[in-house]
């Protein structure tokens, strides 16, 4: 059985792209537009979305730490974990946004 080697630049780039997507969703207002806009927007939707964003920020903090550690310590095996953590941060934001909608 042969193993396919993935250059560490690919998961690093994916991690940075996911971090950018998460940043726009939380700080750029994309999540508010996605979950609080519609035919009958609720006046308190943004207030209900704030705790979801805070929980997502905690997961993103872990993801950022893993990404930074993998990069500076040159631990390529942690890039996959960091990408998974960024996906988890986006999933918390998405499913939490659906729940408060």
N, C-alpha and C. Protein backbone atom coordinates (compact mmCIF):
# COMPACT_ATOMS: atom_id res chain seq x y z
N UNK A 1 0.84 -1.16 0.00
CA UNK A 1 0.00 0.00 0.00
C UNK A 1 0.90 1.24 0.00
N UNK A 2 0.58 2.17 -0.84
CA UNK A 2 1.36 3.40 -0.89
C UNK A 2 0.59 4.53 -0.24
N UNK A 3 1.31 5.40 0.41
CA UNK A 3 0.70 6.58 1.02
C UNK A 3 0.90 7.76 0.10
N UNK A 4 -0.13 8.54 -0.02
CA UNK A 4 -0.04 9.75 -0.82
C UNK A 4 0.44 10.87 0.09
N UNK A 5 1.47 11.55 -0.32
CA UNK A 5 2.03 12.63 0.48
C UNK A 5 1.40 13.94 0.03
N UNK A 6 0.87 14.67 0.97
CA UNK A 6 0.27 15.97 0.69
C UNK A 6 1.24 17.03 1.20
N UNK A 7 1.62 17.95 0.35
CA UNK A 7 2.52 19.02 0.82
C UNK A 7 1.86 19.82 1.93
N UNK A 8 2.61 20.22 2.95
CA UNK A 8 2.01 20.94 4.07
C UNK A 8 1.41 22.29 3.69
N UNK A 9 1.78 22.82 2.55
CA UNK A 9 1.22 24.11 2.13
C UNK A 9 -0.27 24.00 1.81
N UNK A 10 -0.71 22.83 1.38
CA UNK A 10 -2.13 22.68 1.02
C UNK A 10 -3.02 22.75 2.25
N UNK A 11 -2.80 21.94 3.31
CA UNK A 11 -3.67 22.10 4.48
C UNK A 11 -3.48 23.44 5.18
N UNK A 12 -2.30 24.03 5.08
CA UNK A 12 -2.10 25.36 5.66
C UNK A 12 -2.94 26.39 4.93
N UNK A 13 -2.97 26.31 3.61
CA UNK A 13 -3.79 27.24 2.82
C UNK A 13 -5.27 27.01 3.08
N UNK A 14 -5.68 25.76 3.19
CA UNK A 14 -7.08 25.46 3.49
C UNK A 14 -7.46 26.02 4.85
N UNK A 15 -6.58 25.86 5.81
CA UNK A 15 -6.84 26.38 7.15
C UNK A 15 -6.99 27.90 7.13
N UNK A 16 -6.12 28.57 6.40
CA UNK A 16 -6.21 30.03 6.32
C UNK A 16 -7.45 30.49 5.56
N UNK A 17 -7.85 29.75 4.53
CA UNK A 17 -9.08 30.10 3.81
C UNK A 17 -10.31 29.90 4.68
N UNK A 18 -10.34 28.81 5.45
CA UNK A 18 -11.46 28.58 6.36
C UNK A 18 -11.50 29.64 7.45
N UNK A 19 -10.33 30.06 7.92
CA UNK A 19 -10.27 31.13 8.92
C UNK A 19 -10.81 32.43 8.35
N UNK A 20 -10.49 32.71 7.10
CA UNK A 20 -11.01 33.92 6.45
C UNK A 20 -12.52 33.85 6.29
N UNK A 21 -13.02 32.71 5.87
CA UNK A 21 -14.46 32.52 5.74
C UNK A 21 -15.15 32.70 7.08
N UNK A 22 -14.59 32.11 8.13
CA UNK A 22 -15.17 32.26 9.46
C UNK A 22 -15.14 33.72 9.90
N UNK A 23 -14.04 34.41 9.65
CA UNK A 23 -13.93 35.81 10.03
C UNK A 23 -14.97 36.69 9.36
N UNK A 24 -15.18 36.47 8.06
CA UNK A 24 -16.22 37.24 7.38
C UNK A 24 -17.60 36.89 7.91
N UNK A 25 -17.83 35.63 8.24
CA UNK A 25 -19.14 35.22 8.74
C UNK A 25 -19.43 35.85 10.09
N UNK A 26 -18.44 35.92 10.97
CA UNK A 26 -18.67 36.45 12.31
C UNK A 26 -18.50 37.96 12.36
N UNK A 27 -17.38 38.45 11.90
CA UNK A 27 -17.07 39.88 12.04
C UNK A 27 -17.56 40.72 10.86
N UNK A 28 -17.76 40.10 9.72
CA UNK A 28 -18.21 40.83 8.55
C UNK A 28 -19.72 40.91 8.42
N UNK A 29 -20.43 40.25 9.31
CA UNK A 29 -21.88 40.33 9.30
C UNK A 29 -22.57 39.34 8.37
N UNK A 30 -21.81 38.41 7.79
CA UNK A 30 -22.44 37.45 6.89
C UNK A 30 -23.43 36.56 7.62
N UNK A 31 -23.14 36.19 8.85
CA UNK A 31 -24.07 35.32 9.58
C UNK A 31 -25.36 36.05 9.89
N UNK A 32 -25.27 37.33 10.21
CA UNK A 32 -26.47 38.12 10.47
C UNK A 32 -27.32 38.21 9.21
N UNK A 33 -26.68 38.43 8.07
CA UNK A 33 -27.41 38.49 6.81
C UNK A 33 -28.02 37.15 6.45
N UNK A 34 -27.31 36.08 6.75
CA UNK A 34 -27.79 34.75 6.37
C UNK A 34 -28.95 34.28 7.24
N UNK A 35 -28.90 34.58 8.53
CA UNK A 35 -29.89 34.01 9.43
C UNK A 35 -30.94 34.99 9.91
N UNK A 36 -30.69 36.28 9.79
CA UNK A 36 -31.64 37.26 10.30
C UNK A 36 -32.34 38.05 9.21
N UNK A 37 -32.02 37.81 7.96
CA UNK A 37 -32.70 38.50 6.87
C UNK A 37 -33.79 37.59 6.32
N UNK A 38 -34.82 38.17 5.83
CA UNK A 38 -35.89 37.38 5.25
C UNK A 38 -37.15 38.20 5.16
N UNK A 39 -38.25 37.55 4.81
CA UNK A 39 -39.50 38.29 4.66
C UNK A 39 -40.00 38.89 5.97
N UNK A 40 -39.78 38.21 7.06
CA UNK A 40 -40.20 38.71 8.38
C UNK A 40 -39.03 38.64 9.34
N UNK A 41 -38.08 39.55 9.24
CA UNK A 41 -36.93 39.49 10.15
C UNK A 41 -37.34 39.82 11.58
N UNK A 42 -36.87 39.03 12.50
CA UNK A 42 -37.15 39.25 13.91
C UNK A 42 -36.25 40.36 14.45
N UNK A 43 -36.80 41.18 15.30
CA UNK A 43 -36.01 42.30 15.83
C UNK A 43 -34.91 41.84 16.79
N UNK A 44 -35.11 40.70 17.43
CA UNK A 44 -34.10 40.23 18.38
C UNK A 44 -33.24 39.09 17.82
N UNK A 45 -33.27 38.89 16.51
CA UNK A 45 -32.50 37.81 15.91
C UNK A 45 -31.00 38.01 16.13
N UNK A 46 -30.53 39.22 15.96
CA UNK A 46 -29.10 39.48 16.16
C UNK A 46 -28.70 39.25 17.61
N UNK A 47 -29.60 39.55 18.55
CA UNK A 47 -29.31 39.30 19.96
C UNK A 47 -29.25 37.81 20.25
N UNK A 48 -30.10 37.03 19.59
CA UNK A 48 -30.08 35.57 19.79
C UNK A 48 -28.89 34.94 19.10
N UNK A 49 -28.38 35.58 18.06
CA UNK A 49 -27.23 35.04 17.32
C UNK A 49 -25.91 35.32 18.03
N UNK A 50 -25.88 36.30 18.91
CA UNK A 50 -24.63 36.68 19.60
C UNK A 50 -24.03 35.54 20.43
N UNK A 51 -24.82 34.80 21.23
CA UNK A 51 -24.19 33.68 21.97
C UNK A 51 -23.66 32.58 21.06
N UNK A 52 -24.33 32.38 19.93
CA UNK A 52 -23.85 31.38 18.97
C UNK A 52 -22.49 31.81 18.41
N UNK A 53 -22.38 33.08 18.08
CA UNK A 53 -21.10 33.60 17.57
C UNK A 53 -20.02 33.50 18.64
N UNK A 54 -20.38 33.74 19.90
CA UNK A 54 -19.40 33.63 20.98
C UNK A 54 -18.90 32.20 21.14
N UNK A 55 -19.81 31.24 21.06
CA UNK A 55 -19.41 29.84 21.15
C UNK A 55 -18.52 29.46 19.96
N UNK A 56 -18.88 29.96 18.79
CA UNK A 56 -18.06 29.71 17.61
C UNK A 56 -16.69 30.35 17.75
N UNK A 57 -16.62 31.50 18.42
CA UNK A 57 -15.33 32.15 18.65
C UNK A 57 -14.42 31.31 19.53
N UNK A 58 -14.99 30.62 20.50
CA UNK A 58 -14.17 29.74 21.35
C UNK A 58 -13.57 28.60 20.53
N UNK A 59 -14.38 28.01 19.67
CA UNK A 59 -13.87 26.93 18.82
C UNK A 59 -12.83 27.48 17.85
N UNK A 60 -13.08 28.68 17.33
CA UNK A 60 -12.12 29.30 16.40
C UNK A 60 -10.81 29.65 17.10
N UNK A 61 -10.88 29.99 18.37
CA UNK A 61 -9.67 30.28 19.12
C UNK A 61 -8.79 29.03 19.21
N UNK A 62 -9.42 27.89 19.46
CA UNK A 62 -8.68 26.62 19.47
C UNK A 62 -8.10 26.34 18.09
N UNK A 63 -8.91 26.56 17.06
CA UNK A 63 -8.45 26.32 15.69
C UNK A 63 -7.28 27.23 15.33
N UNK A 64 -7.35 28.48 15.73
CA UNK A 64 -6.25 29.41 15.45
C UNK A 64 -4.98 29.00 16.19
N UNK A 65 -5.14 28.55 17.42
CA UNK A 65 -3.99 28.07 18.18
C UNK A 65 -3.35 26.85 17.54
N UNK A 66 -4.18 25.92 17.08
CA UNK A 66 -3.66 24.73 16.41
C UNK A 66 -2.96 25.09 15.11
N UNK A 67 -3.56 26.01 14.36
CA UNK A 67 -2.94 26.44 13.10
C UNK A 67 -1.60 27.11 13.35
N UNK A 68 -1.55 28.00 14.31
CA UNK A 68 -0.30 28.67 14.63
C UNK A 68 0.76 27.72 15.14
N UNK A 69 0.36 26.79 16.01
CA UNK A 69 1.33 25.84 16.54
C UNK A 69 1.85 24.93 15.44
N UNK A 70 0.95 24.46 14.57
CA UNK A 70 1.38 23.59 13.47
C UNK A 70 2.34 24.32 12.54
N UNK A 71 2.10 25.59 12.35
CA UNK A 71 2.94 26.37 11.44
C UNK A 71 4.30 26.66 12.06
N UNK A 72 4.31 27.18 13.28
CA UNK A 72 5.58 27.59 13.89
C UNK A 72 6.42 26.40 14.36
N UNK A 73 5.77 25.33 14.80
CA UNK A 73 6.51 24.16 15.27
C UNK A 73 6.79 23.18 14.14
N UNK A 74 6.29 23.49 12.95
CA UNK A 74 6.46 22.62 11.78
C UNK A 74 5.97 21.20 12.05
N UNK A 75 4.78 21.15 12.62
CA UNK A 75 4.13 19.86 12.90
C UNK A 75 3.03 19.66 11.86
N UNK A 76 3.38 19.09 10.73
CA UNK A 76 2.44 18.94 9.63
C UNK A 76 1.24 18.08 9.99
N UNK A 77 1.42 17.19 10.96
CA UNK A 77 0.32 16.31 11.34
C UNK A 77 -0.81 17.07 12.02
N UNK A 78 -0.53 18.24 12.57
CA UNK A 78 -1.57 19.02 13.23
C UNK A 78 -2.40 19.86 12.28
N UNK A 79 -1.97 20.01 11.05
CA UNK A 79 -2.76 20.80 10.10
C UNK A 79 -4.14 20.19 9.87
N UNK A 80 -4.20 18.89 9.80
CA UNK A 80 -5.50 18.24 9.62
C UNK A 80 -6.43 18.49 10.79
N UNK A 81 -5.87 18.47 12.00
CA UNK A 81 -6.67 18.76 13.20
C UNK A 81 -7.13 20.22 13.18
N UNK A 82 -6.25 21.11 12.74
CA UNK A 82 -6.60 22.53 12.67
C UNK A 82 -7.71 22.77 11.65
N UNK A 83 -7.62 22.12 10.50
CA UNK A 83 -8.68 22.25 9.49
C UNK A 83 -10.00 21.72 10.06
N UNK A 84 -9.95 20.60 10.76
CA UNK A 84 -11.16 20.07 11.39
C UNK A 84 -11.74 21.02 12.42
N UNK A 85 -10.87 21.71 13.16
CA UNK A 85 -11.36 22.67 14.15
C UNK A 85 -12.00 23.88 13.47
N UNK A 86 -11.44 24.34 12.35
CA UNK A 86 -12.08 25.45 11.62
C UNK A 86 -13.44 25.03 11.08
N UNK A 87 -13.52 23.80 10.58
CA UNK A 87 -14.81 23.30 10.10
C UNK A 87 -15.80 23.21 11.25
N UNK A 88 -15.33 22.80 12.43
CA UNK A 88 -16.20 22.75 13.60
C UNK A 88 -16.68 24.14 14.00
N UNK A 89 -15.81 25.14 13.92
CA UNK A 89 -16.22 26.52 14.25
C UNK A 89 -17.29 27.01 13.28
N UNK A 90 -17.12 26.69 12.01
CA UNK A 90 -18.14 27.08 11.02
C UNK A 90 -19.43 26.29 11.23
N UNK A 91 -19.31 25.02 11.61
CA UNK A 91 -20.51 24.21 11.85
C UNK A 91 -21.28 24.71 13.06
N UNK A 92 -20.58 25.11 14.11
CA UNK A 92 -21.25 25.68 15.28
C UNK A 92 -22.02 26.93 14.88
N UNK A 93 -21.40 27.77 14.08
CA UNK A 93 -22.06 29.00 13.63
C UNK A 93 -23.26 28.68 12.74
N UNK A 94 -23.11 27.73 11.84
CA UNK A 94 -24.19 27.40 10.91
C UNK A 94 -25.38 26.76 11.63
N UNK A 95 -25.12 25.70 12.39
CA UNK A 95 -26.23 25.01 13.04
C UNK A 95 -26.83 25.84 14.17
N UNK A 96 -26.00 26.61 14.85
CA UNK A 96 -26.53 27.53 15.86
C UNK A 96 -27.38 28.61 15.23
N UNK A 97 -26.96 29.11 14.07
CA UNK A 97 -27.75 30.10 13.36
C UNK A 97 -29.08 29.54 12.89
N UNK A 98 -29.07 28.30 12.45
CA UNK A 98 -30.34 27.67 12.07
C UNK A 98 -31.25 27.49 13.28
N UNK A 99 -30.66 27.20 14.42
CA UNK A 99 -31.47 26.99 15.63
C UNK A 99 -32.10 28.29 16.13
N UNK A 100 -31.40 29.40 16.03
CA UNK A 100 -31.96 30.66 16.54
C UNK A 100 -32.85 31.34 15.52
N UNK A 101 -32.85 30.88 14.32
CA UNK A 101 -33.67 31.47 13.27
C UNK A 101 -35.09 31.25 13.62
